[in-house]
Amino acid sequence: MDSLVLCLLAILLVASAGDTSAAEDVPWSQNYVIMYGQEHIQLLNQEKECQISIDQFSGSGFRSLKTYNSGFFRMRMKLPNKDTTGIITTFYLRSYTKNHDELDFEFLGTNKTQPYLLHTNVFTNGQGHREERISLWFDPTEDFHDYQLLWNQHQVVWFVDDTPIRVFKNNVNIGVDYPVQAMQIEATIWSGSWAGEPNWSQAPFQAHYQRFDIDGCSAQNSTIASSECYSPTFSWNGEKYWNLDSQQQRAYENVRKKYLVYDYCSVGSEPPPECRNNQLNYP
């Protein structure tokens, strides 16, 4: 009887570690706080929408109140229109350690003659240089679209409107680092000279965000992922999410065939080990 009670208590503790209100559209302030540029952030529609903006003086951004060790993270976004050359709009996860982990969605602005480019990257133990870019097949400034990150102990998957566009598998068995640090969710808008010189006469540039519920395992007091956040109690850790299913695989291959414009796996004469080991990363 004692062992049964202990088992039930353990299950309850694991279940309470995560925010599992994925179907609930909650106010922004329930899960997020301003990171910088307070004067450039507006909460709209009873906090169901957040507008962040940038001008020649300042950008802006917000972050989650908690950190997470696994989850299926989502943001609905509508990107800035106008000539957005040099303007980067983001949604990403990152840790704050000496050698940090990070999983990026970065949208590179355009002068409207070319489509937006979606730049993704992976940092593990402080090491990045795993960039990929796709050309979006729709105009992300006209309406809101879903951008999601699945992160469990088996894989990281980037989704655009439920279509997988990138997969990073756990290949620690061949010496490839995998993100394991507790990370917070961040959303920012900023300018980067490497992406072009912004046309500040078009400012302010405004990005809009929705859906502030968080479907993740919170690890507020931990920097390294614990076994609790790998528990199958959380749906995103179930076997269903260890690999793409056949329909997702076909959609993934189609996107990469038609819209992939840069892949770090294809640069240089010798692909990194994760690219050689996993065909999902190396079309």
C-alpha atoms as a PDB file:
ATOM      1  CA  MET A   1       0.000   0.000   0.000  1.00  0.00           C
ATOM      2  CA  ASP A   2       2.837   2.403   0.869  1.00  0.00           C
ATOM      3  CA  SER A   3       4.490   1.866  -2.513  1.00  0.00           C
ATOM      4  CA  LEU A   4       1.190   2.587  -4.294  1.00  0.00           C
ATOM      5  CA  VAL A   5       0.785   5.850  -2.382  1.00  0.00           C
ATOM      6  CA  LEU A   6       4.344   6.890  -3.227  1.00  0.00           C
ATOM      7  CA  CYS A   7       3.763   6.083  -6.890  1.00  0.00           C
ATOM      8  CA  LEU A   8       0.600   8.193  -6.992  1.00  0.00           C
ATOM      9  CA  LEU A   9       2.383  11.085  -5.293  1.00  0.00           C
ATOM     10  CA  ALA A  10       5.196  10.924  -7.854  1.00  0.00           C
ATOM     11  CA  ILE A  11       2.689  11.072 -10.708  1.00  0.00           C
ATOM     12  CA  LEU A  12       0.993  14.087  -9.149  1.00  0.00           C
ATOM     13  CA  LEU A  13       4.322  15.868  -8.720  1.00  0.00           C
ATOM     14  CA  VAL A  14       5.252  15.302 -12.354  1.00  0.00           C
ATOM     15  CA  ALA A  15       1.851  16.461 -13.584  1.00  0.00           C
ATOM     16  CA  SER A  16       2.093  19.648 -11.540  1.00  0.00           C
ATOM     17  CA  ALA A  17       5.504  20.488 -13.036  1.00  0.00           C
ATOM     18  CA  GLY A  18       4.070  21.591 -16.369  1.00  0.00           C
ATOM     19  CA  ASP A  19       1.674  24.152 -17.777  1.00  0.00           C
ATOM     20  CA  THR A  20      -0.798  22.079 -19.754  1.00  0.00           C
ATOM     21  CA  SER A  21      -3.378  24.679 -20.811  1.00  0.00           C
ATOM     22  CA  ALA A  22      -2.633  24.318 -24.520  1.00  0.00           C
ATOM     23  CA  ALA A  23      -6.295  24.637 -25.477  1.00  0.00           C
ATOM     24  CA  GLU A  24      -6.821  27.751 -23.366  1.00  0.00           C
ATOM     25  CA  ASP A  25      -6.297  31.252 -24.721  1.00  0.00           C
ATOM     26  CA  VAL A  26      -4.922  32.975 -21.613  1.00  0.00           C
ATOM     27  CA  PRO A  27      -3.972  36.622 -20.994  1.00  0.00           C
ATOM     28  CA  TRP A  28      -0.395  37.585 -21.860  1.00  0.00           C
ATOM     29  CA  SER A  29       0.512  38.575 -18.278  1.00  0.00           C
ATOM     30  CA  GLN A  30      -0.345  35.110 -16.953  1.00  0.00           C
ATOM     31  CA  ASN A  31       2.786  33.633 -18.527  1.00  0.00           C
ATOM     32  CA  TYR A  32       4.927  36.503 -19.864  1.00  0.00           C
ATOM     33  CA  VAL A  33       6.729  39.674 -18.807  1.00  0.00           C
ATOM     34  CA  ILE A  34       8.426  42.543 -20.678  1.00  0.00           C
ATOM     35  CA  MET A  35      12.114  41.929 -21.324  1.00  0.00           C
ATOM     36  CA  TYR A  36      13.069  45.330 -22.798  1.00  0.00           C
ATOM     37  CA  GLY A  37      11.595  48.259 -24.729  1.00  0.00           C
ATOM     38  CA  GLN A  38       8.553  48.753 -22.538  1.00  0.00           C
ATOM     39  CA  GLU A  39       7.507  51.877 -24.434  1.00  0.00           C
ATOM     40  CA  HIS A  40       7.404  49.800 -27.646  1.00  0.00           C
ATOM     41  CA  ILE A  41       5.045  47.103 -26.340  1.00  0.00           C
ATOM     42  CA  GLN A  42       1.247  47.263 -26.337  1.00  0.00           C
ATOM     43  CA  LEU A  43      -1.235  44.719 -25.001  1.00  0.00           C
ATOM     44  CA  LEU A  44      -4.435  44.501 -27.051  1.00  0.00           C
ATOM     45  CA  ASN A  45      -7.805  42.730 -26.915  1.00  0.00           C
ATOM     46  CA  GLN A  46      -7.770  42.161 -23.149  1.00  0.00           C
ATOM     47  CA  GLU A  47      -4.182  40.874 -23.312  1.00  0.00           C
ATOM     48  CA  LYS A  48      -5.033  38.231 -25.908  1.00  0.00           C
ATOM     49  CA  GLU A  49      -2.656  39.980 -28.329  1.00  0.00           C
ATOM     50  CA  CYS A  50       0.717  41.654 -27.884  1.00  0.00           C
ATOM     51  CA  GLN A  51       2.251  44.161 -30.295  1.00  0.00           C
ATOM     52  CA  ILE A  52       6.001  44.734 -30.164  1.00  0.00           C
ATOM     53  CA  SER A  53       7.732  47.324 -32.329  1.00  0.00           C
ATOM     54  CA  ILE A  54      11.056  48.819 -33.300  1.00  0.00           C
ATOM     55  CA  ASP A  55      12.192  52.237 -34.483  1.00  0.00           C
ATOM     56  CA  GLN A  56      15.645  53.788 -34.904  1.00  0.00           C
ATOM     57  CA  PHE A  57      15.909  54.252 -31.136  1.00  0.00           C
ATOM     58  CA  SER A  58      14.872  50.900 -29.681  1.00  0.00           C
ATOM     59  CA  GLY A  59      13.516  47.463 -30.307  1.00  0.00           C
ATOM     60  CA  SER A  60      11.472  45.441 -27.816  1.00  0.00           C
ATOM     61  CA  GLY A  61      10.792  41.967 -26.521  1.00  0.00           C
ATOM     62  CA  PHE A  62       9.098  39.802 -23.916  1.00  0.00           C
ATOM     63  CA  ARG A  63       9.895  36.519 -22.196  1.00  0.00           C
ATOM     64  CA  SER A  64       8.174  33.777 -20.231  1.00  0.00           C
ATOM     65  CA  LEU A  65       7.950  33.972 -16.455  1.00  0.00           C
ATOM     66  CA  LYS A  66       9.166  30.378 -16.127  1.00  0.00           C
ATOM     67  CA  THR A  67      11.804  28.185 -17.724  1.00  0.00           C
ATOM     68  CA  TYR A  68      11.035  24.822 -19.323  1.00  0.00           C
ATOM     69  CA  ASN A  69      12.808  21.498 -19.879  1.00  0.00           C
ATOM     70  CA  SER A  70      10.501  20.022 -22.529  1.00  0.00           C
ATOM     71  CA  GLY A  71       7.281  20.875 -24.281  1.00  0.00           C
ATOM     72  CA  PHE A  72       5.310  21.693 -27.403  1.00  0.00           C
ATOM     73  CA  PHE A  73       5.633  25.474 -27.608  1.00  0.00           C
ATOM     74  CA  ARG A  74       3.487  27.641 -29.844  1.00  0.00           C
ATOM     75  CA  MET A  75       3.111  31.262 -30.869  1.00  0.00           C
ATOM     76  CA  ARG A  76       0.767  32.823 -33.388  1.00  0.00           C
ATOM     77  CA  MET A  77       2.484  35.665 -35.199  1.00  0.00           C
ATOM     78  CA  LYS A  78       1.771  38.317 -37.815  1.00  0.00           C
ATOM     79  CA  LEU A  79       4.990  39.877 -39.093  1.00  0.00           C
ATOM     80  CA  PRO A  80       5.706  43.546 -39.903  1.00  0.00           C
ATOM     81  CA  ASN A  81       4.827  44.718 -43.390  1.00  0.00           C
ATOM     82  CA  LYS A  82       6.388  47.660 -45.305  1.00  0.00           C
ATOM     83  CA  ASP A  83      10.062  47.522 -46.330  1.00  0.00           C
ATOM     84  CA  THR A  84      11.449  45.471 -43.441  1.00  0.00           C
ATOM     85  CA  THR A  85      15.003  45.032 -44.739  1.00  0.00           C
ATOM     86  CA  GLY A  86      17.316  44.498 -41.767  1.00  0.00           C
ATOM     87  CA  ILE A  87      14.465  43.892 -39.300  1.00  0.00           C
ATOM     88  CA  ILE A  88      14.472  40.538 -37.489  1.00  0.00           C
ATOM     89  CA  THR A  89      11.346  39.248 -35.729  1.00  0.00           C
ATOM     90  CA  THR A  90      11.763  36.236 -33.453  1.00  0.00           C
ATOM     91  CA  PHE A  91      10.248  33.483 -31.347  1.00  0.00           C
ATOM     92  CA  TYR A  92      12.731  31.185 -29.615  1.00  0.00           C
ATOM     93  CA  LEU A  93      13.802  29.251 -26.535  1.00  0.00           C
ATOM     94  CA  ARG A  94      17.099  29.937 -24.757  1.00  0.00           C
ATOM     95  CA  SER A  95      18.916  29.299 -21.513  1.00  0.00           C
ATOM     96  CA  TYR A  96      21.096  31.754 -19.635  1.00  0.00           C
ATOM     97  CA  THR A  97      24.233  29.838 -18.748  1.00  0.00           C
ATOM     98  CA  LYS A  98      27.886  30.298 -19.693  1.00  0.00           C
ATOM     99  CA  ASN A  99      27.433  27.768 -22.524  1.00  0.00           C
ATOM    100  CA  HIS A 100      23.806  28.191 -23.426  1.00  0.00           C
ATOM    101  CA  ASP A 101      21.236  26.176 -25.372  1.00  0.00           C
ATOM    102  CA  GLU A 102      18.921  27.878 -27.867  1.00  0.00           C
ATOM    103  CA  LEU A 103      16.263  26.960 -30.453  1.00  0.00           C
ATOM    104  CA  ASP A 104      15.383  29.740 -32.894  1.00  0.00           C
ATOM    105  CA  PHE A 105      12.672  30.991 -35.192  1.00  0.00           C
ATOM    106  CA  GLU A 106      14.061  34.199 -36.780  1.00  0.00           C
ATOM    107  CA  PHE A 107      12.173  35.944 -39.577  1.00  0.00           C
ATOM    108  CA  LEU A 108      14.395  38.047 -41.824  1.00  0.00           C
ATOM    109  CA  GLY A 109      12.753  41.183 -43.190  1.00  0.00           C
ATOM    110  CA  THR A 110      12.348  41.917 -46.887  1.00  0.00           C
ATOM    111  CA  ASN A 111      11.931  44.851 -49.243  1.00  0.00           C
ATOM    112  CA  LYS A 112       8.653  43.268 -50.457  1.00  0.00           C
ATOM    113  CA  THR A 113      10.146  42.156 -53.792  1.00  0.00           C
ATOM    114  CA  GLN A 114      11.256  38.884 -52.169  1.00  0.00           C
ATOM    115  CA  PRO A 115       9.448  36.576 -49.718  1.00  0.00           C
ATOM    116  CA  TYR A 116      10.280  36.550 -46.024  1.00  0.00           C
ATOM    117  CA  LEU A 117      13.055  34.116 -45.104  1.00  0.00           C
ATOM    118  CA  LEU A 118      12.653  31.973 -42.005  1.00  0.00           C
ATOM    119  CA  HIS A 119      16.034  31.407 -40.362  1.00  0.00           C
ATOM    120  CA  THR A 120      16.327  28.592 -37.789  1.00  0.00           C
ATOM    121  CA  ASN A 121      19.280  27.668 -35.626  1.00  0.00           C
ATOM    122  CA  VAL A 122      20.293  25.313 -32.818  1.00  0.00           C
ATOM    123  CA  PHE A 123      22.745  26.124 -30.024  1.00  0.00           C
ATOM    124  CA  THR A 124      23.907  23.335 -27.722  1.00  0.00           C
ATOM    125  CA  ASN A 125      26.423  23.903 -24.939  1.00  0.00           C
ATOM    126  CA  GLY A 126      27.217  27.325 -26.421  1.00  0.00           C
ATOM    127  CA  GLN A 127      27.870  26.057 -29.954  1.00  0.00           C
ATOM    128  CA  GLY A 128      25.690  27.159 -32.871  1.00  0.00           C
ATOM    129  CA  HIS A 129      26.428  27.372 -36.606  1.00  0.00           C
ATOM    130  CA  ARG A 130      23.549  25.036 -37.456  1.00  0.00           C
ATOM    131  CA  GLU A 131      21.628  27.512 -39.573  1.00  0.00           C
ATOM    132  CA  GLU A 132      18.896  26.652 -42.027  1.00  0.00           C
ATOM    133  CA  ARG A 133      16.711  29.003 -44.065  1.00  0.00           C
ATOM    134  CA  ILE A 134      13.472  28.467 -45.911  1.00  0.00           C
ATOM    135  CA  SER A 135      11.525  30.817 -48.139  1.00  0.00           C
ATOM    136  CA  LEU A 136       7.985  31.096 -46.775  1.00  0.00           C
ATOM    137  CA  TRP A 137       5.266  29.986 -49.219  1.00  0.00           C
ATOM    138  CA  PHE A 138       2.758  32.581 -47.948  1.00  0.00           C
ATOM    139  CA  ASP A 139       2.785  36.238 -46.937  1.00  0.00           C
ATOM    140  CA  PRO A 140       3.279  36.218 -43.131  1.00  0.00           C
ATOM    141  CA  THR A 141       2.295  39.900 -42.878  1.00  0.00           C
ATOM    142  CA  GLU A 142      -1.307  39.425 -44.042  1.00  0.00           C
ATOM    143  CA  ASP A 143      -2.585  37.242 -41.209  1.00  0.00           C
ATOM    144  CA  PHE A 144      -1.558  35.242 -38.146  1.00  0.00           C
ATOM    145  CA  HIS A 145       0.189  31.897 -38.591  1.00  0.00           C
ATOM    146  CA  ASP A 146       1.171  29.180 -36.104  1.00  0.00           C
ATOM    147  CA  TYR A 147       4.848  28.577 -35.314  1.00  0.00           C
ATOM    148  CA  GLN A 148       5.635  25.655 -33.007  1.00  0.00           C
ATOM    149  CA  LEU A 149       8.646  23.980 -31.402  1.00  0.00           C
ATOM    150  CA  LEU A 150       8.419  20.374 -30.223  1.00  0.00           C
ATOM    151  CA  TRP A 151      11.230  19.573 -27.775  1.00  0.00           C
ATOM    152  CA  ASN A 152      11.567  16.239 -26.020  1.00  0.00           C
ATOM    153  CA  GLN A 153      14.461  13.869 -25.333  1.00  0.00           C
ATOM    154  CA  HIS A 154      14.210  12.354 -28.824  1.00  0.00           C
ATOM    155  CA  GLN A 155      13.946  15.290 -31.209  1.00  0.00           C
ATOM    156  CA  VAL A 156      13.340  18.977 -31.790  1.00  0.00           C
ATOM    157  CA  VAL A 157      10.870  19.787 -34.574  1.00  0.00           C
ATOM    158  CA  TRP A 158      10.020  23.217 -36.003  1.00  0.00           C
ATOM    159  CA  PHE A 159       6.471  23.528 -37.392  1.00  0.00           C
ATOM    160  CA  VAL A 160       4.817  26.209 -39.530  1.00  0.00           C
ATOM    161  CA  ASP A 161       1.017  25.845 -39.521  1.00  0.00           C
ATOM    162  CA  ASP A 162       1.433  22.204 -38.418  1.00  0.00           C
ATOM    163  CA  THR A 163       3.875  21.466 -41.267  1.00  0.00           C
ATOM    164  CA  PRO A 164       7.289  20.271 -40.043  1.00  0.00           C
ATOM    165  CA  ILE A 165      10.069  22.314 -41.656  1.00  0.00           C
ATOM    166  CA  ARG A 166      13.083  21.158 -39.655  1.00  0.00           C
ATOM    167  CA  VAL A 167      14.107  18.232 -37.441  1.00  0.00           C
ATOM    168  CA  PHE A 168      17.078  17.991 -35.074  1.00  0.00           C
ATOM    169  CA  LYS A 169      17.392  14.494 -33.628  1.00  0.00           C
ATOM    170  CA  ASN A 170      19.053  13.473 -30.388  1.00  0.00           C
ATOM    171  CA  ASN A 171      22.392  12.073 -31.562  1.00  0.00           C
ATOM    172  CA  VAL A 172      24.346  12.111 -28.315  1.00  0.00           C
ATOM    173  CA  ASN A 173      25.280   8.491 -29.022  1.00  0.00           C
ATOM    174  CA  ILE A 174      27.635   9.744 -31.766  1.00  0.00           C
ATOM    175  CA  GLY A 175      28.965  12.664 -29.761  1.00  0.00           C
ATOM    176  CA  VAL A 176      26.571  15.402 -30.934  1.00  0.00           C
ATOM    177  CA  ASP A 177      25.374  17.723 -28.164  1.00  0.00           C
ATOM    178  CA  TYR A 178      21.613  17.986 -27.667  1.00  0.00           C
ATOM    179  CA  PRO A 179      19.689  20.800 -25.904  1.00  0.00           C
ATOM    180  CA  VAL A 180      19.038  19.785 -22.292  1.00  0.00           C
ATOM    181  CA  GLN A 181      19.208  23.051 -20.340  1.00  0.00           C
ATOM    182  CA  ALA A 182      16.110  24.712 -18.909  1.00  0.00           C
ATOM    183  CA  MET A 183      15.087  27.448 -21.352  1.00  0.00           C
ATOM    184  CA  GLN A 184      12.718  30.375 -21.306  1.00  0.00           C
ATOM    185  CA  ILE A 185      10.509  31.484 -24.202  1.00  0.00           C
ATOM    186  CA  GLU A 186      11.366  34.815 -25.793  1.00  0.00           C
ATOM    187  CA  ALA A 187       9.925  37.006 -28.554  1.00  0.00           C
ATOM    188  CA  THR A 188      11.801  40.046 -29.854  1.00  0.00           C
ATOM    189  CA  ILE A 189      12.107  42.499 -32.713  1.00  0.00           C
ATOM    190  CA  TRP A 190      15.491  44.030 -33.485  1.00  0.00           C
ATOM    191  CA  SER A 191      17.729  45.148 -36.351  1.00  0.00           C
ATOM    192  CA  GLY A 192      20.865  43.443 -37.609  1.00  0.00           C
ATOM    193  CA  SER A 193      23.322  45.026 -40.017  1.00  0.00           C
ATOM    194  CA  TRP A 194      24.170  41.567 -41.335  1.00  0.00           C
ATOM    195  CA  ALA A 195      20.583  41.360 -42.630  1.00  0.00           C
ATOM    196  CA  GLY A 196      20.669  44.741 -44.402  1.00  0.00           C
ATOM    197  CA  GLU A 197      20.319  48.424 -43.549  1.00  0.00           C
ATOM    198  CA  PRO A 198      16.814  49.239 -42.247  1.00  0.00           C
ATOM    199  CA  ASN A 199      14.759  51.932 -43.949  1.00  0.00           C
ATOM    200  CA  TRP A 200      13.933  53.889 -40.790  1.00  0.00           C
ATOM    201  CA  SER A 201      11.622  56.224 -42.700  1.00  0.00           C
ATOM    202  CA  GLN A 202       9.202  53.249 -42.666  1.00  0.00           C
ATOM    203  CA  ALA A 203       9.351  52.906 -38.856  1.00  0.00           C
ATOM    204  CA  PRO A 204       7.844  51.890 -36.549  1.00  0.00           C
ATOM    205  CA  PHE A 205       7.861  48.237 -37.582  1.00  0.00           C
ATOM    206  CA  GLN A 206       5.246  46.263 -35.658  1.00  0.00           C
ATOM    207  CA  ALA A 207       4.885  42.538 -35.022  1.00  0.00           C
ATOM    208  CA  HIS A 208       1.810  40.953 -33.442  1.00  0.00           C
ATOM    209  CA  TYR A 209       1.661  37.842 -31.233  1.00  0.00           C
ATOM    210  CA  GLN A 210      -1.217  35.688 -29.966  1.00  0.00           C
ATOM    211  CA  ARG A 211      -1.778  32.463 -27.979  1.00  0.00           C
ATOM    212  CA  PHE A 212       0.028  32.881 -24.686  1.00  0.00           C
ATOM    213  CA  ASP A 213      -0.820  29.506 -23.163  1.00  0.00           C
ATOM    214  CA  ILE A 214       2.283  27.345 -22.667  1.00  0.00           C
ATOM    215  CA  ASP A 215       2.290  23.573 -23.056  1.00  0.00           C
ATOM    216  CA  GLY A 216       5.577  22.768 -21.333  1.00  0.00           C
ATOM    217  CA  CYS A 217       7.205  21.146 -18.329  1.00  0.00           C
ATOM    218  CA  SER A 218       8.353  23.936 -16.046  1.00  0.00           C
ATOM    219  CA  ALA A 219      11.780  23.622 -14.437  1.00  0.00           C
ATOM    220  CA  GLN A 220      12.107  26.961 -12.714  1.00  0.00           C
ATOM    221  CA  ASN A 221      14.795  25.852 -10.280  1.00  0.00           C
ATOM    222  CA  SER A 222      16.864  23.653 -12.589  1.00  0.00           C
ATOM    223  CA  THR A 223      19.397  24.308 -15.336  1.00  0.00           C
ATOM    224  CA  ILE A 224      19.622  20.690 -16.505  1.00  0.00           C
ATOM    225  CA  ALA A 225      16.615  18.718 -17.706  1.00  0.00           C
ATOM    226  CA  SER A 226      15.336  16.321 -15.044  1.00  0.00           C
ATOM    227  CA  SER A 227      13.716  12.942 -15.562  1.00  0.00           C
ATOM    228  CA  GLU A 228      10.365  14.421 -14.509  1.00  0.00           C
ATOM    229  CA  CYS A 229      10.249  16.545 -17.677  1.00  0.00           C
ATOM    230  CA  TYR A 230      10.863  13.421 -19.797  1.00  0.00           C
ATOM    231  CA  SER A 231       7.876  11.644 -18.279  1.00  0.00           C
ATOM    232  CA  PRO A 232       5.240  10.194 -20.654  1.00  0.00           C
ATOM    233  CA  THR A 233       2.727  11.966 -18.410  1.00  0.00           C
ATOM    234  CA  PHE A 234       3.304  14.852 -20.803  1.00  0.00           C
ATOM    235  CA  SER A 235       1.805  14.138 -24.211  1.00  0.00           C
ATOM    236  CA  TRP A 236       4.762  15.549 -26.171  1.00  0.00           C
ATOM    237  CA  ASN A 237       7.050  12.894 -24.629  1.00  0.00           C
ATOM    238  CA  GLY A 238       4.891  10.015 -25.858  1.00  0.00           C
ATOM    239  CA  GLU A 239       6.112   7.621 -28.542  1.00  0.00           C
ATOM    240  CA  LYS A 240       3.906   9.433 -31.073  1.00  0.00           C
ATOM    241  CA  TYR A 241       6.328  12.364 -30.881  1.00  0.00           C
ATOM    242  CA  TRP A 242       9.610  10.454 -31.121  1.00  0.00           C
ATOM    243  CA  ASN A 243       9.574  10.620 -34.934  1.00  0.00           C
ATOM    244  CA  LEU A 244       7.549  12.218 -37.705  1.00  0.00           C
ATOM    245  CA  ASP A 245       4.634  10.123 -38.875  1.00  0.00           C
ATOM    246  CA  SER A 246       4.344   9.205 -42.562  1.00  0.00           C
ATOM    247  CA  GLN A 247       2.127  12.179 -43.436  1.00  0.00           C
ATOM    248  CA  GLN A 248       4.416  14.610 -41.616  1.00  0.00           C
ATOM    249  CA  GLN A 249       7.447  13.069 -43.298  1.00  0.00           C
ATOM    250  CA  ARG A 250       5.965  13.645 -46.761  1.00  0.00           C
ATOM    251  CA  ALA A 251       5.069  17.254 -45.910  1.00  0.00           C
ATOM    252  CA  TYR A 252       8.555  17.806 -44.465  1.00  0.00           C
ATOM    253  CA  GLU A 253      10.293  16.468 -47.558  1.00  0.00           C
ATOM    254  CA  ASN A 254       8.060  18.577 -49.805  1.00  0.00           C
ATOM    255  CA  VAL A 255       8.895  21.807 -47.928  1.00  0.00           C
ATOM    256  CA  ARG A 256      12.622  21.102 -48.016  1.00  0.00           C
ATOM    257  CA  LYS A 257      12.536  20.218 -51.703  1.00  0.00           C
ATOM    258  CA  LYS A 258      10.652  23.380 -52.687  1.00  0.00           C
ATOM    259  CA  TYR A 259      11.601  26.047 -50.143  1.00  0.00           C
ATOM    260  CA  LEU A 260      14.927  25.241 -48.475  1.00  0.00           C
ATOM    261  CA  VAL A 261      17.462  27.890 -49.538  1.00  0.00           C
ATOM    262  CA  TYR A 262      20.310  27.233 -47.078  1.00  0.00           C
ATOM    263  CA  ASP A 263      21.323  24.205 -45.016  1.00  0.00           C
ATOM    264  CA  TYR A 264      24.464  24.013 -42.888  1.00  0.00           C
ATOM    265  CA  CYS A 265      24.602  20.287 -43.624  1.00  0.00           C
ATOM    266  CA  SER A 266      25.358  21.064 -47.273  1.00  0.00           C
ATOM    267  CA  VAL A 267      28.229  23.475 -46.601  1.00  0.00           C
ATOM    268  CA  GLY A 268      31.777  22.176 -46.868  1.00  0.00           C
ATOM    269  CA  SER A 269      33.146  18.890 -48.078  1.00  0.00           C
ATOM    270  CA  GLU A 270      32.455  16.964 -44.868  1.00  0.00           C
ATOM    271  CA  PRO A 271      28.946  17.211 -43.358  1.00  0.00           C
ATOM    272  CA  PRO A 272      28.745  17.307 -39.548  1.00  0.00           C
ATOM    273  CA  PRO A 273      28.123  13.897 -37.919  1.00  0.00           C
ATOM    274  CA  GLU A 274      24.430  14.559 -37.197  1.00  0.00           C
ATOM    275  CA  CYS A 275      23.868  15.251 -40.897  1.00  0.00           C
ATOM    276  CA  ARG A 276      25.556  12.021 -41.973  1.00  0.00           C
ATOM    277  CA  ASN A 277      23.741  10.019 -39.315  1.00  0.00           C
ATOM    278  CA  ASN A 278      20.244  11.378 -39.876  1.00  0.00           C
ATOM    279  CA  GLN A 279      18.703  11.781 -43.290  1.00  0.00           C
ATOM    280  CA  LEU A 280      15.996  14.019 -41.811  1.00  0.00           C
ATOM    281  CA  ASN A 281      18.660  16.661 -41.495  1.00  0.00           C
ATOM    282  CA  TYR A 282      20.371  16.077 -44.796  1.00  0.00           C
ATOM    283  CA  PRO A 283      18.035  16.049 -47.810  1.00  0.00           C
END
